[in-house]
Each structure stands twice: as C-alpha cells, then as structure tokens.
Amino acid sequence: MSARLARQVLASILVNAVYAMKNYPVVLINTIAAPLGFLVVINFVSKGGLLTQAIEGAFIMSMFSSGMGLQSDLSHLKNDFKLQDMVVSSPASPAAYVFGMAMSEIVYSIPALITVSVLMAVFVHPTAAQALTLLGVILLMFTTSVSLGFTLSTFSSDVVQSYAFSGMVSAIFTTLSPVYYPVTYIPLPFRYVAYLSPTTYAAEIAQSSIGTLHLSSLDIALSWGILGSVTIILALIAVTKARWREV
C-alpha cells in the first residue's frame, strides 16, 4: 500500500469511524444489538438446538450490515458535507475513497465482530480450515454489500432515503433469508425464493463447513460459484454504473 493510499484510508477511518466511536459511543450498541438480538431469539426458540447456526448467522449479518451501512454514511457525507465533491476534485481515486470508507465500516463493527468471535470460540470451537472457510464467506458478503451500498449511495439524494434503503436491504438479506437457521426449515416451494438471496448460499457454506448442514461437494461448489459470481457482478455494477461525478 502506497503512502498516499494509506493516508487516504486512515483519513476515512478517522472521519467515518473513530469520530463517531469517540464522540457517540452509544451508537456502538446498535452494531452489537442487531446480530446478537436475533442470535438470542433463535437460541431461545430452538432451545439451544440452533446455537451454532445462529452464531454463524450473526457473523454474516454483522458483515453484511456493516457493508450496507456504507450506503447511509456515504450519502450523509456526500449530500450534507459535500465530501464526495471534494474527493472528485482531489487526486484521490474512487477506488481509494470507497476502500477507505469500507475499512472504516469494519473498524466501526469491531465490537460486534469481537463479541461474535468469542462466542464462536467458546461454543463452536472451529478448526483452522473451518475458520478460513467462514472468513472467506464473510469477506465475500462484505464485498457484496459494500458494492451494493456504494452504488445505491451515489443515486441517493437524501440521507433519510439512504437509511430506509439500507434497513430494508439488510432486513431482506439477513433476517428474512435463512441466515440464522438452515434453509431446510423453509417449506417448499418458498425455499426457492430464499435462493434468490446471496446470503442463503453464504449460510449454506458456513453451516456445511461446521457440519450442521450436509451438502454434497457439488452443492458446495455451486454455492461458492454463485456467491462469487454475485460478488463480481455487483462490484462491476458499482464500478461502471455508479454516478461518481454529478452530471
């Protein structure tokens, strides 16, 4: 990483994450409350039977919601502080700007990620291979949501609208989709609708790696392929269709 890019990333983290964490620490409760709230509910309802799946689901939800949070943050900085106009006129590239803001979202989500990681270590005891699989899944989910969040933010004209879109998309992809429980719990033919969400494939891969969902090697490869393809497509859309400069 070049010195210029490092400074740009650090500036994004300071502006978008450290400032809020330092001055408004209460906002950190939101990053923990949502994923852990669903985890507790699923655990109580299943009487502990779905604890492992719920912990994995909390990981996926934390990373996906973190990426989608980029939408409202970028919209706020673009429309209220005109930061994007300043970045456009500076030597900073769109890629550096978005990468820095994405890193700031991860920093912002550190309390939630640490909490879920501790629960994973205590209750799941993943092997190194299982941990790497889960890491790959949540990184793809984060990239997917960042690409989607950035694209939507460039078309948003008001931060209120962005918050609405961010909340709606996060709810559809992380609570209505079978992230905290196996897709087999959804009766046919509604199960086919669940497969329209990329988080369903992410959850299947994670659950299969731990052994709570039994899939064939072909099904696992297909899930990786679909998840990777969706990530690439949304990234390409973000690069080619998002409105970086106002026209």
C-alpha atoms as a PDB file:
ATOM      1  CA  MET A   1       0.000   0.000   0.000  1.00  0.00           C
ATOM      2  CA  SER A   2       1.442   3.351  -1.044  1.00  0.00           C
ATOM      3  CA  ALA A   3       1.901   6.147   1.474  1.00  0.00           C
ATOM      4  CA  ARG A   4      -0.784   8.251  -0.247  1.00  0.00           C
ATOM      5  CA  LEU A   5      -3.326   5.420  -0.211  1.00  0.00           C
ATOM      6  CA  ALA A   6      -2.514   4.664   3.422  1.00  0.00           C
ATOM      7  CA  ARG A   7      -3.162   8.292   4.365  1.00  0.00           C
ATOM      8  CA  GLN A   8      -6.445   8.292   2.443  1.00  0.00           C
ATOM      9  CA  VAL A   9      -7.592   5.102   4.178  1.00  0.00           C
ATOM     10  CA  LEU A  10      -6.562   6.451   7.588  1.00  0.00           C
ATOM     11  CA  ALA A  11      -8.455   9.697   6.908  1.00  0.00           C
ATOM     12  CA  SER A  12     -11.604   7.754   6.036  1.00  0.00           C
ATOM     13  CA  ILE A  13     -11.335   5.682   9.219  1.00  0.00           C
ATOM     14  CA  LEU A  14     -10.833   8.788  11.348  1.00  0.00           C
ATOM     15  CA  VAL A  15     -13.723  10.682   9.725  1.00  0.00           C
ATOM     16  CA  ASN A  16     -16.272   7.899   9.474  1.00  0.00           C
ATOM     17  CA  ALA A  17     -15.472   5.534  12.361  1.00  0.00           C
ATOM     18  CA  VAL A  18     -13.207   6.914  15.051  1.00  0.00           C
ATOM     19  CA  TYR A  19     -15.082  10.233  15.264  1.00  0.00           C
ATOM     20  CA  ALA A  20     -18.428   8.524  15.917  1.00  0.00           C
ATOM     21  CA  MET A  21     -16.952   5.881  18.229  1.00  0.00           C
ATOM     22  CA  LYS A  22     -15.195   8.540  20.299  1.00  0.00           C
ATOM     23  CA  ASN A  23     -17.925  11.169  20.477  1.00  0.00           C
ATOM     24  CA  TYR A  24     -21.051   9.000  20.342  1.00  0.00           C
ATOM     25  CA  PRO A  25     -20.148   5.622  21.890  1.00  0.00           C
ATOM     26  CA  VAL A  26     -23.826   4.777  22.261  1.00  0.00           C
ATOM     27  CA  VAL A  27     -24.002   4.127  18.510  1.00  0.00           C
ATOM     28  CA  LEU A  28     -21.778   1.084  19.011  1.00  0.00           C
ATOM     29  CA  ILE A  29     -24.635  -0.609  20.819  1.00  0.00           C
ATOM     30  CA  ASN A  30     -26.512  -0.808  17.526  1.00  0.00           C
ATOM     31  CA  THR A  31     -23.718  -2.760  15.851  1.00  0.00           C
ATOM     32  CA  ILE A  32     -23.907  -5.381  18.594  1.00  0.00           C
ATOM     33  CA  ALA A  33     -27.625  -5.366  19.382  1.00  0.00           C
ATOM     34  CA  ALA A  34     -28.974  -6.398  15.980  1.00  0.00           C
ATOM     35  CA  PRO A  35     -26.913  -9.573  15.297  1.00  0.00           C
ATOM     36  CA  LEU A  36     -26.880 -10.683  18.933  1.00  0.00           C
ATOM     37  CA  GLY A  37     -30.595  -9.967  19.337  1.00  0.00           C
ATOM     38  CA  PHE A  38     -31.519 -12.415  16.581  1.00  0.00           C
ATOM     39  CA  LEU A  39     -28.980 -14.893  17.954  1.00  0.00           C
ATOM     40  CA  VAL A  40     -30.632 -14.850  21.385  1.00  0.00           C
ATOM     41  CA  VAL A  41     -34.141 -15.198  19.936  1.00  0.00           C
ATOM     42  CA  ILE A  42     -33.176 -18.120  17.685  1.00  0.00           C
ATOM     43  CA  ASN A  43     -31.347 -19.797  20.564  1.00  0.00           C
ATOM     44  CA  PHE A  44     -34.344 -19.483  22.896  1.00  0.00           C
ATOM     45  CA  VAL A  45     -36.873 -20.625  20.309  1.00  0.00           C
ATOM     46  CA  SER A  46     -34.774 -23.641  19.299  1.00  0.00           C
ATOM     47  CA  LYS A  47     -33.878 -24.386  22.953  1.00  0.00           C
ATOM     48  CA  GLY A  48     -30.197 -24.276  22.057  1.00  0.00           C
ATOM     49  CA  GLY A  49     -30.527 -26.534  19.031  1.00  0.00           C
ATOM     50  CA  LEU A  50     -29.589 -23.810  16.534  1.00  0.00           C
ATOM     51  CA  LEU A  51     -26.939 -22.020  18.588  1.00  0.00           C
ATOM     52  CA  THR A  52     -24.110 -22.859  16.186  1.00  0.00           C
ATOM     53  CA  GLN A  53     -26.089 -21.740  13.131  1.00  0.00           C
ATOM     54  CA  ALA A  54     -27.164 -18.582  14.956  1.00  0.00           C
ATOM     55  CA  ILE A  55     -23.569 -17.651  15.791  1.00  0.00           C
ATOM     56  CA  GLU A  56     -22.576 -18.121  12.151  1.00  0.00           C
ATOM     57  CA  GLY A  57     -25.601 -16.089  11.141  1.00  0.00           C
ATOM     58  CA  ALA A  58     -24.569 -13.285  13.487  1.00  0.00           C
ATOM     59  CA  PHE A  59     -21.198 -13.163  11.718  1.00  0.00           C
ATOM     60  CA  ILE A  60     -22.818 -12.943   8.296  1.00  0.00           C
ATOM     61  CA  MET A  61     -25.335 -10.349   9.432  1.00  0.00           C
ATOM     62  CA  SER A  62     -22.645  -8.213  11.086  1.00  0.00           C
ATOM     63  CA  MET A  63     -20.510  -8.104   7.951  1.00  0.00           C
ATOM     64  CA  PHE A  64     -23.387  -7.617   5.526  1.00  0.00           C
ATOM     65  CA  SER A  65     -24.994  -4.880   7.634  1.00  0.00           C
ATOM     66  CA  SER A  66     -21.590  -3.251   8.040  1.00  0.00           C
ATOM     67  CA  GLY A  67     -21.171  -3.075   4.278  1.00  0.00           C
ATOM     68  CA  MET A  68     -24.694  -1.752   3.788  1.00  0.00           C
ATOM     69  CA  GLY A  69     -24.003   0.876   6.428  1.00  0.00           C
ATOM     70  CA  LEU A  70     -21.611   2.344   3.891  1.00  0.00           C
ATOM     71  CA  GLN A  71     -24.625   3.498   1.882  1.00  0.00           C
ATOM     72  CA  SER A  72     -26.051   5.808   4.520  1.00  0.00           C
ATOM     73  CA  ASP A  73     -22.608   7.047   5.588  1.00  0.00           C
ATOM     74  CA  LEU A  74     -21.554   7.883   2.032  1.00  0.00           C
ATOM     75  CA  SER A  75     -24.898   9.530   1.346  1.00  0.00           C
ATOM     76  CA  HIS A  76     -24.596  11.620   4.504  1.00  0.00           C
ATOM     77  CA  LEU A  77     -21.063  12.748   3.654  1.00  0.00           C
ATOM     78  CA  LYS A  78     -21.977  13.373   0.007  1.00  0.00           C
ATOM     79  CA  ASN A  79     -25.230  15.290   0.483  1.00  0.00           C
ATOM     80  CA  ASP A  80     -24.713  17.016   3.824  1.00  0.00           C
ATOM     81  CA  PHE A  81     -20.972  17.727   3.821  1.00  0.00           C
ATOM     82  CA  LYS A  82     -20.299  17.635   0.046  1.00  0.00           C
ATOM     83  CA  LEU A  83     -17.297  15.424   0.795  1.00  0.00           C
ATOM     84  CA  GLN A  84     -17.621  13.474  -2.446  1.00  0.00           C
ATOM     85  CA  ASP A  85     -17.382  16.725  -4.446  1.00  0.00           C
ATOM     86  CA  MET A  86     -14.117  17.483  -2.683  1.00  0.00           C
ATOM     87  CA  VAL A  87     -12.800  13.979  -3.306  1.00  0.00           C
ATOM     88  CA  VAL A  88     -13.740  14.169  -7.001  1.00  0.00           C
ATOM     89  CA  SER A  89     -11.682  17.339  -7.382  1.00  0.00           C
ATOM     90  CA  SER A  90      -8.733  15.851  -5.482  1.00  0.00           C
ATOM     91  CA  PRO A  91      -6.087  13.322  -6.616  1.00  0.00           C
ATOM     92  CA  ALA A  92      -7.943  10.593  -4.692  1.00  0.00           C
ATOM     93  CA  SER A  93      -9.487   7.895  -6.868  1.00  0.00           C
ATOM     94  CA  PRO A  94     -12.988   6.465  -6.372  1.00  0.00           C
ATOM     95  CA  ALA A  95     -11.422   3.106  -5.524  1.00  0.00           C
ATOM     96  CA  ALA A  96      -9.255   4.603  -2.769  1.00  0.00           C
ATOM     97  CA  TYR A  97     -12.208   6.555  -1.370  1.00  0.00           C
ATOM     98  CA  VAL A  98     -14.520   3.543  -1.267  1.00  0.00           C
ATOM     99  CA  PHE A  99     -11.794   1.234   0.072  1.00  0.00           C
ATOM    100  CA  GLY A 100     -11.034   3.648   2.884  1.00  0.00           C
ATOM    101  CA  MET A 101     -14.709   4.043   3.759  1.00  0.00           C
ATOM    102  CA  ALA A 102     -15.177   0.271   3.659  1.00  0.00           C
ATOM    103  CA  MET A 103     -12.285  -0.170   6.099  1.00  0.00           C
ATOM    104  CA  SER A 104     -13.901   2.404   8.360  1.00  0.00           C
ATOM    105  CA  GLU A 105     -17.071   0.304   8.451  1.00  0.00           C
ATOM    106  CA  ILE A 106     -15.047  -2.715   9.598  1.00  0.00           C
ATOM    107  CA  VAL A 107     -13.414  -0.632  12.344  1.00  0.00           C
ATOM    108  CA  TYR A 108     -16.869   0.584  13.355  1.00  0.00           C
ATOM    109  CA  SER A 109     -18.055  -3.033  13.618  1.00  0.00           C
ATOM    110  CA  ILE A 110     -15.105  -4.282  15.691  1.00  0.00           C
ATOM    111  CA  PRO A 111     -17.108  -4.568  18.962  1.00  0.00           C
ATOM    112  CA  ALA A 112     -19.695  -6.804  17.292  1.00  0.00           C
ATOM    113  CA  LEU A 113     -17.071  -8.888  15.487  1.00  0.00           C
ATOM    114  CA  ILE A 114     -15.085  -9.427  18.692  1.00  0.00           C
ATOM    115  CA  THR A 115     -18.211 -10.447  20.598  1.00  0.00           C
ATOM    116  CA  VAL A 116     -19.306 -12.944  17.944  1.00  0.00           C
ATOM    117  CA  SER A 117     -15.734 -14.273  17.615  1.00  0.00           C
ATOM    118  CA  VAL A 118     -15.639 -15.012  21.341  1.00  0.00           C
ATOM    119  CA  LEU A 119     -18.976 -16.836  21.114  1.00  0.00           C
ATOM    120  CA  MET A 120     -17.654 -18.787  18.125  1.00  0.00           C
ATOM    121  CA  ALA A 121     -14.516 -19.824  20.010  1.00  0.00           C
ATOM    122  CA  VAL A 122     -16.428 -20.825  23.151  1.00  0.00           C
ATOM    123  CA  PHE A 123     -19.402 -22.675  21.665  1.00  0.00           C
ATOM    124  CA  VAL A 124     -18.317 -23.832  18.193  1.00  0.00           C
ATOM    125  CA  HIS A 125     -14.557 -24.499  18.504  1.00  0.00           C
ATOM    126  CA  PRO A 126     -13.868 -24.216  14.745  1.00  0.00           C
ATOM    127  CA  THR A 127     -10.789 -25.795  13.227  1.00  0.00           C
ATOM    128  CA  ALA A 128      -8.363 -23.701  11.210  1.00  0.00           C
ATOM    129  CA  ALA A 129      -9.960 -24.889   7.952  1.00  0.00           C
ATOM    130  CA  GLN A 130     -13.460 -24.077   9.222  1.00  0.00           C
ATOM    131  CA  ALA A 131     -12.332 -20.646  10.403  1.00  0.00           C
ATOM    132  CA  LEU A 132     -10.775 -19.913   6.997  1.00  0.00           C
ATOM    133  CA  THR A 133     -13.977 -21.005   5.241  1.00  0.00           C
ATOM    134  CA  LEU A 134     -16.076 -18.727   7.427  1.00  0.00           C
ATOM    135  CA  LEU A 135     -13.606 -15.883   6.860  1.00  0.00           C
ATOM    136  CA  GLY A 136     -13.893 -16.325   3.099  1.00  0.00           C
ATOM    137  CA  VAL A 137     -17.684 -16.311   3.297  1.00  0.00           C
ATOM    138  CA  ILE A 138     -17.970 -13.156   5.372  1.00  0.00           C
ATOM    139  CA  LEU A 139     -15.388 -11.330   3.233  1.00  0.00           C
ATOM    140  CA  LEU A 140     -17.430 -12.113   0.116  1.00  0.00           C
ATOM    141  CA  MET A 141     -20.571 -10.955   1.913  1.00  0.00           C
ATOM    142  CA  PHE A 142     -18.856  -7.748   2.970  1.00  0.00           C
ATOM    143  CA  THR A 143     -17.617  -7.065  -0.569  1.00  0.00           C
ATOM    144  CA  THR A 144     -21.103  -7.734  -1.939  1.00  0.00           C
ATOM    145  CA  SER A 145     -22.788  -5.364   0.492  1.00  0.00           C
ATOM    146  CA  VAL A 146     -20.114  -2.668   0.040  1.00  0.00           C
ATOM    147  CA  SER A 147     -20.595  -2.757  -3.743  1.00  0.00           C
ATOM    148  CA  LEU A 148     -24.362  -2.580  -3.354  1.00  0.00           C
ATOM    149  CA  GLY A 149     -24.176   0.130  -0.704  1.00  0.00           C
ATOM    150  CA  PHE A 150     -21.807   2.304  -2.736  1.00  0.00           C
ATOM    151  CA  THR A 151     -23.961   2.026  -5.859  1.00  0.00           C
ATOM    152  CA  LEU A 152     -27.145   2.971  -4.014  1.00  0.00           C
ATOM    153  CA  SER A 153     -25.436   5.855  -2.208  1.00  0.00           C
ATOM    154  CA  THR A 154     -24.417   7.528  -5.472  1.00  0.00           C
ATOM    155  CA  PHE A 155     -28.057   7.622  -6.583  1.00  0.00           C
ATOM    156  CA  SER A 156     -29.448   8.715  -3.225  1.00  0.00           C
ATOM    157  CA  SER A 157     -30.309  12.379  -2.803  1.00  0.00           C
ATOM    158  CA  ASP A 158     -31.163  12.328   0.898  1.00  0.00           C
ATOM    159  CA  VAL A 159     -29.725  10.564   3.929  1.00  0.00           C
ATOM    160  CA  VAL A 160     -33.226   9.636   5.166  1.00  0.00           C
ATOM    161  CA  GLN A 161     -33.813   7.792   1.914  1.00  0.00           C
ATOM    162  CA  SER A 162     -30.479   6.026   2.355  1.00  0.00           C
ATOM    163  CA  TYR A 163     -31.323   4.870   5.862  1.00  0.00           C
ATOM    164  CA  ALA A 164     -34.600   3.445   4.556  1.00  0.00           C
ATOM    165  CA  PHE A 165     -32.909   1.555   1.719  1.00  0.00           C
ATOM    166  CA  SER A 166     -30.111   0.316   3.984  1.00  0.00           C
ATOM    167  CA  GLY A 167     -32.512  -1.009   6.595  1.00  0.00           C
ATOM    168  CA  MET A 168     -34.788  -2.626   4.033  1.00  0.00           C
ATOM    169  CA  VAL A 169     -31.981  -4.369   2.141  1.00  0.00           C
ATOM    170  CA  SER A 170     -30.317  -5.569   5.351  1.00  0.00           C
ATOM    171  CA  ALA A 171     -33.601  -6.967   6.634  1.00  0.00           C
ATOM    172  CA  ILE A 172     -34.311  -8.850   3.392  1.00  0.00           C
ATOM    173  CA  PHE A 173     -30.824 -10.310   3.109  1.00  0.00           C
ATOM    174  CA  THR A 174     -30.071 -11.111   6.757  1.00  0.00           C
ATOM    175  CA  THR A 175     -33.334 -11.712   8.633  1.00  0.00           C
ATOM    176  CA  LEU A 176     -35.857 -12.913   6.065  1.00  0.00           C
ATOM    177  CA  SER A 177     -33.216 -15.093   4.396  1.00  0.00           C
ATOM    178  CA  PRO A 178     -32.209 -18.330   6.199  1.00  0.00           C
ATOM    179  CA  VAL A 179     -29.022 -16.992   7.758  1.00  0.00           C
ATOM    180  CA  TYR A 180     -29.660 -17.911  11.393  1.00  0.00           C
ATOM    181  CA  TYR A 181     -31.176 -21.306  10.615  1.00  0.00           C
ATOM    182  CA  PRO A 182     -30.891 -23.994   7.891  1.00  0.00           C
ATOM    183  CA  VAL A 183     -32.674 -23.389   4.596  1.00  0.00           C
ATOM    184  CA  THR A 184     -34.283 -26.813   5.058  1.00  0.00           C
ATOM    185  CA  TYR A 185     -36.525 -25.240   7.714  1.00  0.00           C
ATOM    186  CA  ILE A 186     -38.305 -23.324   4.935  1.00  0.00           C
ATOM    187  CA  PRO A 187     -41.074 -25.410   3.332  1.00  0.00           C
ATOM    188  CA  LEU A 188     -41.303 -25.896  -0.399  1.00  0.00           C
ATOM    189  CA  PRO A 189     -41.985 -24.047  -2.665  1.00  0.00           C
ATOM    190  CA  PHE A 190     -40.985 -20.994  -0.585  1.00  0.00           C
ATOM    191  CA  ARG A 191     -37.466 -22.405  -0.274  1.00  0.00           C
ATOM    192  CA  TYR A 192     -36.800 -21.486  -3.890  1.00  0.00           C
ATOM    193  CA  VAL A 193     -37.439 -17.825  -3.066  1.00  0.00           C
ATOM    194  CA  ALA A 194     -34.740 -17.969  -0.389  1.00  0.00           C
ATOM    195  CA  TYR A 195     -32.198 -18.947  -3.026  1.00  0.00           C
ATOM    196  CA  LEU A 196     -32.643 -15.548  -4.660  1.00  0.00           C
ATOM    197  CA  SER A 197     -30.571 -14.119  -1.804  1.00  0.00           C
ATOM    198  CA  PRO A 198     -26.769 -14.489  -1.856  1.00  0.00           C
ATOM    199  CA  THR A 199     -26.748 -14.727   1.935  1.00  0.00           C
ATOM    200  CA  THR A 200     -28.535 -18.078   1.642  1.00  0.00           C
ATOM    201  CA  TYR A 201     -25.528 -19.527  -0.184  1.00  0.00           C
ATOM    202  CA  ALA A 202     -23.154 -17.926   2.324  1.00  0.00           C
ATOM    203  CA  ALA A 203     -25.055 -19.509   5.209  1.00  0.00           C
ATOM    204  CA  GLU A 204     -25.114 -22.902   3.467  1.00  0.00           C
ATOM    205  CA  ILE A 205     -21.336 -22.852   3.021  1.00  0.00           C
ATOM    206  CA  ALA A 206     -20.743 -21.809   6.632  1.00  0.00           C
ATOM    207  CA  GLN A 207     -23.176 -24.358   8.047  1.00  0.00           C
ATOM    208  CA  SER A 208     -21.770 -27.123   5.854  1.00  0.00           C
ATOM    209  CA  SER A 209     -18.202 -26.377   6.953  1.00  0.00           C
ATOM    210  CA  ILE A 210     -19.170 -26.819  10.607  1.00  0.00           C
ATOM    211  CA  GLY A 211     -21.248 -29.910   9.901  1.00  0.00           C
ATOM    212  CA  THR A 212     -24.678 -28.570  10.828  1.00  0.00           C
ATOM    213  CA  LEU A 213     -25.893 -28.850   7.230  1.00  0.00           C
ATOM    214  CA  HIS A 214     -24.992 -31.760   4.990  1.00  0.00           C
ATOM    215  CA  LEU A 215     -24.335 -30.829   1.364  1.00  0.00           C
ATOM    216  CA  SER A 216     -22.636 -32.686  -1.454  1.00  0.00           C
ATOM    217  CA  SER A 217     -19.334 -31.457  -2.864  1.00  0.00           C
ATOM    218  CA  LEU A 218     -21.207 -30.356  -5.988  1.00  0.00           C
ATOM    219  CA  ASP A 219     -23.698 -28.300  -3.953  1.00  0.00           C
ATOM    220  CA  ILE A 220     -20.886 -26.637  -2.012  1.00  0.00           C
ATOM    221  CA  ALA A 221     -19.000 -25.808  -5.220  1.00  0.00           C
ATOM    222  CA  LEU A 222     -22.210 -24.443  -6.733  1.00  0.00           C
ATOM    223  CA  SER A 223     -22.814 -22.254  -3.679  1.00  0.00           C
ATOM    224  CA  TRP A 224     -19.263 -20.864  -3.871  1.00  0.00           C
ATOM    225  CA  GLY A 225     -19.697 -20.233  -7.590  1.00  0.00           C
ATOM    226  CA  ILE A 226     -22.988 -18.387  -7.203  1.00  0.00           C
ATOM    227  CA  LEU A 227     -21.750 -16.357  -4.244  1.00  0.00           C
ATOM    228  CA  GLY A 228     -18.553 -15.393  -6.065  1.00  0.00           C
ATOM    229  CA  SER A 229     -20.441 -14.537  -9.262  1.00  0.00           C
ATOM    230  CA  VAL A 230     -22.897 -12.279  -7.424  1.00  0.00           C
ATOM    231  CA  THR A 231     -19.998 -10.515  -5.701  1.00  0.00           C
ATOM    232  CA  ILE A 232     -18.208  -9.906  -9.014  1.00  0.00           C
ATOM    233  CA  ILE A 233     -21.364  -8.718 -10.782  1.00  0.00           C
ATOM    234  CA  LEU A 234     -22.252  -6.223  -8.044  1.00  0.00           C
ATOM    235  CA  ALA A 235     -18.654  -4.976  -7.944  1.00  0.00           C
ATOM    236  CA  LEU A 236     -18.714  -4.427 -11.713  1.00  0.00           C
ATOM    237  CA  ILE A 237     -22.016  -2.576 -11.423  1.00  0.00           C
ATOM    238  CA  ALA A 238     -20.526  -0.369  -8.714  1.00  0.00           C
ATOM    239  CA  VAL A 239     -17.545   0.426 -10.915  1.00  0.00           C
ATOM    240  CA  THR A 240     -19.401   1.005 -14.190  1.00  0.00           C
ATOM    241  CA  LYS A 241     -22.850   2.304 -13.261  1.00  0.00           C
ATOM    242  CA  ALA A 242     -22.447   4.282 -10.055  1.00  0.00           C
ATOM    243  CA  ARG A 243     -22.514   8.058 -10.505  1.00  0.00           C
ATOM    244  CA  TRP A 244     -19.175   9.228  -9.170  1.00  0.00           C
ATOM    245  CA  ARG A 245     -19.339  12.675 -10.744  1.00  0.00           C
ATOM    246  CA  GLU A 246     -22.532  14.703 -10.824  1.00  0.00           C
ATOM    247  CA  VAL A 247     -23.757  15.386 -14.357  1.00  0.00           C
END
